Amino acid sequence: MQELTHYINGQHVKGTSGRFADVFNPATGEVQAKCPLASVEEMDAAVAAAQAAQPAWAATNPQRRARVMMEFVRLLNRDMDKLAEALSREHGKTFPDAKGDIQRGLEVVEYCIGAPQMLKGEFTDGAGPGIDIYSMRQPLGVTAGITPFNFPAMIPMWMFAPALACGNAFILKPSERDPSVPLMLAELMEEAGLPKGILQVVNGDKVAVDAILDHEVIQSIGFVGSTPIAQYIYGRGCSNGKRVQCFGGAKNHMIIMPDADMDQAADALVGAGYGAAGERCMAISVAVPVGDETADRLIEKLVPRIEKLKVGPYTAGNDVDYGPVVTAEAKQRILGLVESGIAQGAELVVDGRDFKLQGYEDGFFVGPHLFDRVTPDMDIYTQEIFGPVLATVRAGSYEEALKLAMDHEYGNGTAIFTRDGDAARDFAARVNIGMVGINVPIPVPLAYHTFGGWKKSGFGDLNQHGPDLFKFYTRTKTVTARWPSGIKEGGEFNFKPMD
């Protein structure tokens, strides 16, 4: 049984709390490692080491910090397969999907190589007699991130890469369900030239989270996870005077107009709804065909595609479509929601409840499910399922379809499939959701645009990656300087206008 560690001040450190979480192999159901759960004292030690190291890193010029990011990118590419294998082993993702997880994080690191440009301040020459005014973007100090199990490489890099590029130290509290890749990333950052103590990885549960929220040295917190926890972290963090950005749950709708290419729409729904076993905050979990004829054509296209999906462990090859969900509890919750959909009157068109994989009977595999004639009052519509379950809600008109997406409490992502440019432009302009796809099922922006949801999917006024991150991880200082051209006797007791 492997015992994992924390990574503090450049070293792997065994946990001292005596508390551990089981790390499973989701494909077999076996416990493959134990993850230490930090005490408040262990978190305090990590923060103290980060606080001691941060001033020298902040004093390192931005171009040299960017060179560390450049080398980190090279090392990520060098170790891509090794990282992906570790990620798949603990999370259950297919190998290509695990590599995609790392790649989307790597792209944000590449964007952070441009930090010197993004950190430039402003300057006004001659604002008054002999007076210049300039602003500087300066690091916050010690920052922190609390990241989820479903993207154990991408989301940590979305947080720590810009934080470090801006001159901060960073405390990463990854998910205790799949903690190995974050530990490996910390090692690679130091191999790339990051000084010891600047990036700390502290594994833990709510004890560690609360220690981060209440620690007076930590200046900012990023979080991705469920909406109830996002609200808790945002409220407690902000009340403690910290800068906080939290991203919560999702229920992403895809509108299918009557003029859409139905083969394209069906392919998009299968990939976006069942990829990664549906454990994505940007997964499409609700299909909204406009009109019964459109719905019938869509279901006809979907059923054979879903029935052909190959479900299995990542070791079964790159043609596996998706793997297990992360825990036995996640599997039971998904199947419980499927049963609620049946009980509440939805039509189960593809039934994956009896799915079994020979040789992996104890694994956390969930077969694909497709519901039709779902209504907005059903649990499978209101709740984020986070599993391979696609719900079809039939809309009588475009306006009804738009209203479904707009009225839902979550506002992370949405999409419309149509050949009509006017409908697409109207949808993009009116829908109250943070990320919109037009004939694109999972509209995750590239690294140089920002990522963030609206409504109960996002808390805080700045998004992830893109220009917002350099604002989130710095604060602005404005300097008014006067260099008199001559010596003047006597003091001035009134505020002098800048005329």
Protein backbone atom coordinates (compact mmCIF):
# COMPACT_ATOMS: atom_id res chain seq x y z
CA MET A 1 0.00 0.00 0.00
CA GLN A 2 1.54 3.28 -1.13
CA GLU A 3 1.47 6.12 1.37
CA LEU A 4 1.41 9.48 -0.36
CA THR A 5 2.87 12.68 1.05
CA HIS A 6 2.56 16.42 1.15
CA TYR A 7 5.09 18.54 -0.76
CA ILE A 8 6.42 21.27 1.51
CA ASN A 9 9.46 23.45 1.04
CA GLY A 10 10.82 21.34 -1.78
CA GLN A 11 10.47 17.98 -0.06
CA HIS A 12 8.01 15.11 0.15
CA VAL A 13 6.79 15.18 3.75
CA LYS A 14 4.84 12.39 5.41
CA GLY A 15 1.57 13.32 7.05
CA THR A 16 1.60 13.63 10.82
CA SER A 17 -2.11 13.98 11.59
CA GLY A 18 -2.70 10.21 11.61
CA ARG A 19 -5.69 10.70 9.28
CA PHE A 20 -5.77 9.31 5.72
CA ALA A 21 -8.15 9.08 2.77
CA ASP A 22 -8.30 6.03 0.52
CA VAL A 23 -7.22 6.56 -3.09
CA PHE A 24 -9.00 4.01 -5.27
CA ASN A 25 -8.33 2.47 -8.63
CA PRO A 26 -11.80 3.26 -10.03
CA ALA A 27 -11.55 0.48 -12.62
CA THR A 28 -11.09 -2.28 -10.05
CA GLY A 29 -12.53 -0.73 -6.90
CA GLU A 30 -9.31 -1.51 -5.03
CA VAL A 31 -7.57 0.90 -2.66
CA GLN A 32 -4.20 1.63 -4.26
CA ALA A 33 -2.84 4.35 -1.96
CA LYS A 34 -3.50 6.34 1.18
CA CYS A 35 -3.49 10.13 1.07
CA PRO A 36 -2.57 12.04 4.24
CA LEU A 37 -5.09 14.58 5.49
CA ALA A 38 -3.32 17.61 6.89
CA SER A 39 -3.84 19.11 10.30
CA VAL A 40 -4.02 22.86 10.93
CA GLU A 41 -0.41 22.71 12.17
CA GLU A 42 0.77 21.10 8.92
CA MET A 43 -1.00 23.79 6.90
CA ASP A 44 0.57 26.47 9.10
CA ALA A 45 4.03 25.02 8.39
CA ALA A 46 3.44 25.10 4.64
CA VAL A 47 2.19 28.69 4.76
CA ALA A 48 5.17 29.77 6.87
CA ALA A 49 7.61 28.26 4.36
CA ALA A 50 5.77 29.96 1.49
CA GLN A 51 5.74 33.30 3.29
CA ALA A 52 9.48 33.10 3.90
CA ALA A 53 10.29 32.26 0.28
CA GLN A 54 7.89 34.63 -1.48
CA PRO A 55 9.65 38.04 -1.16
CA ALA A 56 12.74 36.86 -3.06
CA TRP A 57 10.55 35.33 -5.79
CA ALA A 58 8.53 38.55 -6.07
CA ALA A 59 11.80 40.47 -6.45
CA THR A 60 12.81 38.22 -9.35
CA ASN A 61 12.07 40.11 -12.54
CA PRO A 62 9.01 38.97 -14.53
CA GLN A 63 11.06 37.80 -17.51
CA ARG A 64 13.06 35.38 -15.36
CA ARG A 65 9.83 34.08 -13.80
CA ALA A 66 8.48 33.59 -17.32
CA ARG A 67 11.56 31.51 -18.23
CA VAL A 68 10.66 29.11 -15.43
CA MET A 69 7.25 28.73 -17.08
CA MET A 70 8.94 28.08 -20.43
CA GLU A 71 11.02 25.29 -18.95
CA PHE A 72 7.98 23.89 -17.14
CA VAL A 73 6.20 23.60 -20.51
CA ARG A 74 9.14 21.62 -21.89
CA LEU A 75 9.09 19.29 -18.90
CA LEU A 76 5.33 18.79 -19.18
CA ASN A 77 5.75 17.69 -22.78
CA ARG A 78 8.65 15.44 -21.80
CA ASP A 79 6.65 13.70 -19.07
CA MET A 80 3.22 13.82 -20.74
CA ASP A 81 2.72 10.06 -20.90
CA LYS A 82 3.96 9.52 -17.35
CA LEU A 83 1.60 12.17 -16.00
CA ALA A 84 -1.32 10.91 -18.04
CA GLU A 85 -0.83 7.34 -16.84
CA ALA A 86 -0.82 8.45 -13.19
CA LEU A 87 -3.89 10.58 -13.81
CA SER A 88 -5.81 7.74 -15.50
CA ARG A 89 -4.84 5.28 -12.78
CA GLU A 90 -6.37 7.40 -10.00
CA HIS A 91 -9.20 9.18 -11.83
CA GLY A 92 -10.25 6.53 -14.33
CA LYS A 93 -10.11 8.74 -17.44
CA THR A 94 -9.11 7.24 -20.74
CA PHE A 95 -5.48 7.84 -21.65
CA PRO A 96 -6.25 10.34 -24.48
CA ASP A 97 -8.62 12.22 -22.16
CA ALA A 98 -5.96 12.35 -19.44
CA LYS A 99 -3.49 13.82 -21.92
CA GLY A 100 -6.13 16.39 -22.87
CA ASP A 101 -6.49 17.31 -19.18
CA ILE A 102 -2.75 18.04 -19.02
CA GLN A 103 -2.70 19.81 -22.39
CA ARG A 104 -5.42 22.32 -21.46
CA GLY A 105 -3.47 23.18 -18.31
CA LEU A 106 -0.25 23.42 -20.30
CA GLU A 107 -1.89 25.98 -22.61
CA VAL A 108 -2.53 28.29 -19.65
CA VAL A 109 1.12 27.91 -18.62
CA GLU A 110 2.10 28.92 -22.16
CA TYR A 111 -0.10 32.01 -21.85
CA CYS A 112 1.63 32.86 -18.56
CA ILE A 113 4.97 33.06 -20.37
CA GLY A 114 3.64 36.45 -21.52
CA ALA A 115 3.38 37.67 -17.92
CA PRO A 116 5.90 40.53 -18.40
CA GLN A 117 3.54 42.14 -20.92
CA MET A 118 0.46 41.61 -18.74
CA LEU A 119 2.13 43.00 -15.61
CA LYS A 120 3.05 46.36 -17.08
CA GLY A 121 1.61 49.33 -15.22
CA GLU A 122 0.47 52.76 -16.46
CA PHE A 123 2.23 56.11 -16.51
CA THR A 124 1.06 59.70 -16.84
CA ASP A 125 3.81 62.22 -17.48
CA GLY A 126 3.25 65.79 -16.32
CA ALA A 127 -0.04 65.25 -14.50
CA GLY A 128 0.72 68.52 -12.69
CA PRO A 129 3.66 70.87 -12.22
CA GLY A 130 6.58 68.49 -11.88
CA ILE A 131 4.16 65.67 -11.01
CA ASP A 132 4.07 62.20 -12.56
CA ILE A 133 1.57 59.46 -11.71
CA TYR A 134 2.20 55.77 -12.31
CA SER A 135 0.65 52.49 -11.29
CA MET A 136 2.29 49.14 -10.56
CA ARG A 137 0.83 45.63 -10.49
CA GLN A 138 2.34 43.85 -7.49
CA PRO A 139 1.88 40.29 -6.21
CA LEU A 140 -0.48 39.55 -3.36
CA GLY A 141 1.93 37.39 -1.36
CA VAL A 142 0.82 33.88 -0.39
CA THR A 143 -2.16 32.60 -2.41
CA ALA A 144 -4.05 29.31 -2.39
CA GLY A 145 -6.17 27.03 -4.54
CA ILE A 146 -8.62 24.23 -3.71
CA THR A 147 -9.10 22.01 -6.74
CA PRO A 148 -11.50 19.17 -7.71
CA PHE A 149 -10.98 15.52 -8.62
CA ASN A 150 -12.28 15.74 -12.19
CA PHE A 151 -9.33 17.73 -13.61
CA PRO A 152 -6.37 16.98 -11.33
CA ALA A 153 -3.83 18.47 -13.78
CA MET A 154 -5.64 21.22 -15.66
CA ILE A 155 -7.31 23.17 -12.86
CA PRO A 156 -4.26 23.27 -10.54
CA MET A 157 -2.24 24.68 -13.46
CA TRP A 158 -5.01 27.17 -14.21
CA MET A 159 -4.44 28.51 -10.69
CA PHE A 160 -0.80 28.13 -9.74
CA ALA A 161 0.76 29.06 -13.10
CA PRO A 162 -0.55 32.66 -13.18
CA ALA A 163 -0.15 33.05 -9.42
CA LEU A 164 3.53 32.14 -9.67
CA ALA A 165 4.10 34.15 -12.85
CA CYS A 166 2.84 37.21 -10.96
CA GLY A 167 5.37 36.67 -8.16
CA ASN A 168 3.17 35.00 -5.54
CA ALA A 169 3.74 31.84 -3.55
CA PHE A 170 0.97 29.25 -3.85
CA ILE A 171 -0.57 26.64 -1.54
CA LEU A 172 -2.36 23.92 -3.51
CA LYS A 173 -4.95 21.76 -1.75
CA PRO A 174 -5.86 19.19 -4.42
CA SER A 175 -8.61 16.60 -4.27
CA GLU A 176 -7.71 13.75 -1.94
CA ARG A 177 -9.28 11.34 -4.46
CA ASP A 178 -6.50 11.70 -7.07
CA PRO A 179 -3.57 13.61 -5.53
CA SER A 180 -0.55 12.08 -7.31
CA VAL A 181 -0.45 14.33 -10.39
CA PRO A 182 -0.47 17.59 -8.37
CA LEU A 183 2.52 16.27 -6.40
CA MET A 184 4.29 15.44 -9.67
CA LEU A 185 3.56 18.92 -11.03
CA ALA A 186 5.18 20.52 -7.98
CA GLU A 187 8.31 18.45 -8.56
CA LEU A 188 8.42 19.53 -12.21
CA MET A 189 8.00 23.20 -11.30
CA GLU A 190 11.08 23.03 -9.09
CA GLU A 191 12.98 21.11 -11.76
CA ALA A 192 12.08 24.02 -14.05
CA GLY A 193 13.77 26.46 -11.68
CA LEU A 194 11.10 27.49 -9.20
CA PRO A 195 12.66 28.17 -5.78
CA LYS A 196 11.75 25.83 -2.94
CA GLY A 197 8.78 26.89 -0.87
CA ILE A 198 7.03 28.85 -3.63
CA LEU A 199 4.67 26.00 -4.60
CA GLN A 200 3.42 23.81 -1.76
CA VAL A 201 1.02 20.87 -2.09
CA VAL A 202 -0.91 20.10 1.09
CA ASN A 203 -3.40 17.23 0.91
CA GLY A 204 -6.44 17.34 3.11
CA ASP A 205 -10.16 17.57 3.71
CA LYS A 206 -12.36 20.20 5.35
CA VAL A 207 -9.78 20.73 8.13
CA ALA A 208 -7.23 21.85 5.55
CA VAL A 209 -9.81 23.91 3.66
CA ASP A 210 -10.87 25.80 6.78
CA ALA A 211 -7.22 26.35 7.70
CA ILE A 212 -6.75 28.04 4.31
CA LEU A 213 -9.92 30.12 4.70
CA ASP A 214 -8.94 31.37 8.14
CA HIS A 215 -5.19 31.86 7.73
CA GLU A 216 -4.37 35.55 7.92
CA VAL A 217 -1.28 35.23 5.70
CA ILE A 218 -3.17 33.77 2.71
CA GLN A 219 -4.38 36.64 0.55
CA SER A 220 -6.46 34.94 -2.14
CA ILE A 221 -8.27 31.65 -2.75
CA GLY A 222 -9.40 29.94 -5.94
CA PHE A 223 -11.91 27.08 -5.87
CA VAL A 224 -13.63 24.75 -8.34
CA GLY A 225 -16.21 22.22 -7.16
CA SER A 226 -19.86 21.97 -6.19
CA THR A 227 -22.03 25.06 -5.72
CA PRO A 228 -22.77 24.53 -1.98
CA ILE A 229 -19.04 24.31 -1.21
CA ALA A 230 -18.33 27.24 -3.55
CA GLN A 231 -20.83 29.37 -1.63
CA TYR A 232 -19.30 28.30 1.69
CA ILE A 233 -15.74 29.08 0.60
CA TYR A 234 -16.71 32.36 -1.03
CA GLY A 235 -18.65 33.56 2.02
CA ARG A 236 -16.10 32.55 4.63
CA GLY A 237 -13.09 33.62 2.56
CA CYS A 238 -14.52 37.04 1.76
CA SER A 239 -15.57 37.61 5.36
CA ASN A 240 -11.93 37.01 6.31
CA GLY A 241 -10.86 39.75 3.92
CA LYS A 242 -9.47 37.54 1.17
CA ARG A 243 -9.84 37.85 -2.58
CA VAL A 244 -11.89 34.81 -3.65
CA GLN A 245 -13.03 33.28 -6.93
CA CYS A 246 -15.23 30.18 -6.79
CA PHE A 247 -16.71 28.10 -9.58
CA GLY A 248 -19.55 25.73 -8.79
CA GLY A 249 -21.99 23.35 -10.42
CA ALA A 250 -23.46 23.28 -13.89
CA LYS A 251 -26.39 22.05 -15.93
CA ASN A 252 -25.43 22.78 -19.50
CA HIS A 253 -28.15 22.87 -22.17
CA MET A 254 -27.63 22.27 -25.88
CA ILE A 255 -30.38 23.69 -28.09
CA ILE A 256 -30.95 21.79 -31.35
CA MET A 257 -32.85 23.83 -33.93
CA PRO A 258 -34.91 22.15 -36.68
CA ASP A 259 -32.40 23.24 -39.33
CA ALA A 260 -29.37 21.76 -37.51
CA ASP A 261 -27.22 19.07 -39.08
CA MET A 262 -28.64 16.20 -37.05
CA ASP A 263 -25.63 13.91 -37.50
CA GLN A 264 -23.32 16.69 -36.33
CA ALA A 265 -25.59 17.45 -33.37
CA ALA A 266 -25.83 13.78 -32.35
CA ASP A 267 -22.06 13.29 -32.55
CA ALA A 268 -21.55 16.43 -30.47
CA LEU A 269 -24.04 15.31 -27.83
CA VAL A 270 -22.50 11.86 -27.47
CA GLY A 271 -19.00 13.28 -27.01
CA ALA A 272 -20.07 16.14 -24.73
CA GLY A 273 -22.56 14.12 -22.71
CA TYR A 274 -20.65 10.87 -22.15
CA GLY A 275 -16.97 11.82 -22.46
CA ALA A 276 -15.07 11.46 -19.16
CA ALA A 277 -18.16 9.57 -17.89
CA GLY A 278 -19.93 12.94 -17.71
CA GLU A 279 -17.62 14.13 -14.91
CA ARG A 280 -17.03 17.55 -16.44
CA CYS A 281 -18.45 20.90 -15.36
CA MET A 282 -18.80 21.71 -19.07
CA ALA A 283 -20.49 18.43 -20.03
CA ILE A 284 -23.75 18.74 -21.93
CA SER A 285 -26.33 17.03 -19.74
CA VAL A 286 -29.52 18.45 -21.28
CA ALA A 287 -30.47 18.23 -24.96
CA VAL A 288 -33.26 20.62 -25.99
CA PRO A 289 -34.59 19.82 -29.46
CA VAL A 290 -37.04 22.40 -30.79
CA GLY A 291 -40.19 20.70 -32.01
CA ASP A 292 -41.32 17.08 -31.77
CA GLU A 293 -40.09 16.28 -35.28
CA THR A 294 -36.61 17.54 -34.38
CA ALA A 295 -36.71 15.55 -31.14
CA ASP A 296 -37.73 12.34 -32.89
CA ARG A 297 -34.97 12.72 -35.47
CA LEU A 298 -32.43 13.46 -32.75
CA ILE A 299 -33.37 10.44 -30.62
CA GLU A 300 -33.22 8.23 -33.71
CA LYS A 301 -29.65 9.42 -34.36
CA LEU A 302 -28.56 9.22 -30.72
CA VAL A 303 -29.66 5.71 -29.77
CA PRO A 304 -27.34 3.69 -32.06
CA ARG A 305 -24.41 5.96 -31.23
CA ILE A 306 -24.93 5.56 -27.49
CA GLU A 307 -25.43 1.82 -27.72
CA LYS A 308 -22.06 1.50 -29.49
CA LEU A 309 -20.12 3.34 -26.80
CA LYS A 310 -17.15 1.38 -25.49
CA VAL A 311 -16.84 1.62 -21.72
CA GLY A 312 -13.76 0.25 -20.01
CA PRO A 313 -10.50 0.89 -18.14
CA TYR A 314 -7.85 3.14 -19.64
CA THR A 315 -5.62 0.07 -20.03
CA ALA A 316 -8.02 -1.34 -22.65
CA GLY A 317 -6.71 0.99 -25.35
CA ASN A 318 -7.26 4.38 -26.90
CA ASP A 319 -10.56 3.37 -28.49
CA VAL A 320 -12.29 3.29 -25.08
CA ASP A 321 -14.89 6.08 -25.06
CA TYR A 322 -15.08 6.56 -21.31
CA GLY A 323 -14.02 4.89 -18.09
CA PRO A 324 -15.40 4.51 -14.56
CA VAL A 325 -16.65 7.28 -12.31
CA VAL A 326 -14.37 8.24 -9.46
CA THR A 327 -15.90 6.46 -6.43
CA ALA A 328 -18.52 3.89 -5.47
CA GLU A 329 -20.51 6.70 -3.82
CA ALA A 330 -20.55 8.65 -7.09
CA LYS A 331 -21.82 5.56 -8.91
CA GLN A 332 -24.63 5.01 -6.42
CA ARG A 333 -25.68 8.67 -6.57
CA ILE A 334 -25.87 8.57 -10.38
CA LEU A 335 -27.92 5.37 -10.39
CA GLY A 336 -30.17 6.82 -7.70
CA LEU A 337 -30.91 9.82 -9.90
CA VAL A 338 -31.63 7.50 -12.83
CA GLU A 339 -34.21 5.70 -10.69
CA SER A 340 -35.73 9.03 -9.70
CA GLY A 341 -36.07 9.95 -13.38
CA ILE A 342 -37.99 6.75 -14.05
CA ALA A 343 -40.17 7.22 -10.97
CA GLN A 344 -40.97 10.81 -11.94
CA GLY A 345 -42.15 9.83 -15.42
CA ALA A 346 -39.23 10.34 -17.80
CA GLU A 347 -38.83 7.85 -20.65
CA LEU A 348 -35.59 5.85 -20.34
CA VAL A 349 -34.66 5.25 -23.98
CA VAL A 350 -31.18 3.78 -23.35
CA ASP A 351 -30.91 1.88 -20.08
CA GLY A 352 -27.39 1.37 -18.70
CA ARG A 353 -28.38 0.23 -15.21
CA ASP A 354 -27.37 -3.39 -15.75
CA PHE A 355 -24.00 -2.58 -17.27
CA LYS A 356 -21.27 -4.98 -16.11
CA LEU A 357 -17.72 -5.26 -17.38
CA GLN A 358 -16.28 -8.75 -17.25
CA GLY A 359 -13.23 -8.86 -15.01
CA TYR A 360 -14.04 -5.44 -13.52
CA GLU A 361 -17.24 -6.21 -11.64
CA ASP A 362 -16.02 -4.28 -8.58
CA GLY A 363 -15.08 -1.20 -10.61
CA PHE A 364 -17.10 2.01 -10.56
CA PHE A 365 -18.42 1.74 -14.12
CA VAL A 366 -21.78 3.24 -15.06
CA GLY A 367 -23.43 2.38 -18.36
CA PRO A 368 -24.71 5.17 -20.63
CA HIS A 369 -28.28 6.40 -20.10
CA LEU A 370 -30.55 8.47 -22.36
CA PHE A 371 -33.82 9.96 -21.14
CA ASP A 372 -36.53 11.49 -23.31
CA ARG A 373 -39.55 13.59 -22.35
CA VAL A 374 -37.86 15.01 -19.28
CA THR A 375 -39.62 17.96 -17.64
CA PRO A 376 -38.07 20.83 -15.65
CA ASP A 377 -39.53 19.65 -12.35
CA MET A 378 -37.63 16.33 -12.39
CA ASP A 379 -34.54 15.73 -10.25
CA ILE A 380 -32.54 14.59 -13.29
CA TYR A 381 -33.13 18.07 -14.74
CA THR A 382 -32.66 20.26 -11.69
CA GLN A 383 -29.58 18.50 -10.25
CA GLU A 384 -26.08 18.18 -11.65
CA ILE A 385 -25.75 14.41 -12.18
CA PHE A 386 -22.02 14.33 -13.02
CA GLY A 387 -22.38 11.00 -14.77
CA PRO A 388 -23.07 9.44 -18.19
CA VAL A 389 -26.74 10.47 -18.28
CA LEU A 390 -28.24 12.67 -20.99
CA ALA A 391 -31.71 14.17 -20.47
CA THR A 392 -33.82 15.30 -23.44
CA VAL A 393 -36.29 18.11 -22.78
CA ARG A 394 -38.55 18.81 -25.76
CA ALA A 395 -39.27 22.48 -26.46
CA GLY A 396 -42.14 23.72 -28.58
CA SER A 397 -40.31 26.79 -29.86
CA TYR A 398 -36.97 28.57 -29.88
CA GLU A 399 -38.21 30.97 -27.19
CA GLU A 400 -39.22 28.06 -24.95
CA ALA A 401 -35.80 26.44 -25.44
CA LEU A 402 -34.02 29.70 -24.64
CA LYS A 403 -36.15 30.15 -21.52
CA LEU A 404 -35.21 26.68 -20.24
CA ALA A 405 -31.51 27.55 -20.28
CA MET A 406 -32.08 31.03 -18.87
CA ASP A 407 -34.36 29.93 -16.03
CA HIS A 408 -32.04 27.23 -14.66
CA GLU A 409 -30.11 28.21 -11.54
CA TYR A 410 -26.79 27.22 -13.11
CA GLY A 411 -25.18 29.27 -15.87
CA ASN A 412 -21.84 27.69 -16.71
CA GLY A 413 -22.02 26.75 -20.38
CA THR A 414 -24.56 26.31 -23.16
CA ALA A 415 -24.66 25.65 -26.90
CA ILE A 416 -26.90 26.00 -29.91
CA PHE A 417 -26.74 23.90 -33.06
CA THR A 418 -28.23 25.63 -36.09
CA ARG A 419 -27.50 26.76 -39.64
CA ASP A 420 -29.31 30.06 -39.01
CA GLY A 421 -26.90 32.89 -38.24
CA ASP A 422 -29.69 35.13 -36.96
CA ALA A 423 -30.82 32.54 -34.39
CA ALA A 424 -27.22 31.94 -33.32
CA ARG A 425 -26.52 35.66 -32.85
CA ASP A 426 -29.76 36.17 -30.93
CA PHE A 427 -29.00 33.22 -28.65
CA ALA A 428 -25.45 34.38 -27.92
CA ALA A 429 -26.63 37.92 -27.16
CA ARG A 430 -29.59 37.06 -24.93
CA VAL A 431 -28.70 33.93 -22.97
CA ASN A 432 -27.63 34.62 -19.36
CA ILE A 433 -24.82 32.05 -19.30
CA GLY A 434 -21.09 32.65 -19.12
CA MET A 435 -19.79 30.49 -22.00
CA VAL A 436 -21.69 29.93 -25.24
CA GLY A 437 -21.02 27.51 -28.08
CA ILE A 438 -22.39 27.93 -31.60
CA ASN A 439 -22.18 24.51 -33.22
CA VAL A 440 -19.55 23.82 -30.53
CA PRO A 441 -20.79 21.50 -27.76
CA ILE A 442 -18.23 22.24 -25.00
CA PRO A 443 -17.36 25.93 -25.37
CA VAL A 444 -14.27 26.03 -23.14
CA PRO A 445 -12.35 29.13 -24.28
CA LEU A 446 -8.69 29.00 -25.17
CA ALA A 447 -6.19 30.14 -22.56
CA TYR A 448 -6.09 33.77 -23.68
CA HIS A 449 -9.84 34.23 -23.13
CA THR A 450 -11.47 33.94 -19.72
CA PHE A 451 -13.39 30.94 -18.39
CA GLY A 452 -16.27 31.43 -16.00
CA GLY A 453 -19.95 30.79 -15.41
CA TRP A 454 -22.82 33.00 -14.32
CA LYS A 455 -25.57 32.64 -11.74
CA LYS A 456 -24.88 29.83 -9.23
CA SER A 457 -22.00 28.51 -11.33
CA GLY A 458 -19.62 31.34 -10.44
CA PHE A 459 -18.88 33.55 -7.43
CA GLY A 460 -16.53 36.51 -7.66
CA ASP A 461 -16.02 39.25 -10.21
CA LEU A 462 -13.03 37.78 -12.08
CA ASN A 463 -12.84 34.62 -14.17
CA GLN A 464 -10.25 31.88 -14.63
CA HIS A 465 -7.40 32.17 -17.13
CA GLY A 466 -7.07 34.91 -19.74
CA PRO A 467 -6.38 38.53 -18.71
CA ASP A 468 -8.55 38.26 -15.59
CA LEU A 469 -5.98 36.05 -13.87
CA PHE A 470 -3.30 38.71 -13.91
CA LYS A 471 -5.79 41.04 -12.24
CA PHE A 472 -6.83 38.42 -9.68
CA TYR A 473 -3.27 37.55 -8.62
CA THR A 474 -1.99 41.13 -8.34
CA ARG A 475 -3.06 44.34 -6.68
CA THR A 476 -2.57 47.82 -8.08
CA LYS A 477 -0.44 50.43 -6.35
CA THR A 478 -0.59 54.00 -7.64
CA VAL A 479 2.29 56.41 -7.02
CA THR A 480 2.11 60.19 -7.31
CA ALA A 481 5.65 61.61 -7.55
CA ARG A 482 6.78 65.22 -7.58
CA TRP A 483 10.27 66.36 -8.44
CA PRO A 484 10.31 70.16 -7.97
CA SER A 485 12.43 72.05 -10.44
CA GLY A 486 13.64 74.45 -7.73
CA ILE A 487 13.89 74.85 -3.93
CA LYS A 488 10.84 76.39 -2.29
CA GLU A 489 10.81 77.60 1.29
CA GLY A 490 7.93 76.94 3.66
CA GLY A 491 5.28 74.26 3.88
CA GLU A 492 2.01 73.99 2.04
CA PHE A 493 -1.05 73.39 4.21
CA ASN A 494 -3.74 73.12 1.55
CA PHE A 495 -4.21 70.39 -1.05
CA LYS A 496 -2.79 71.86 -4.24
CA PRO A 497 -4.92 71.42 -7.38
CA MET A 498 -3.09 69.82 -10.30
CA ASP A 499 -3.45 72.73 -12.68
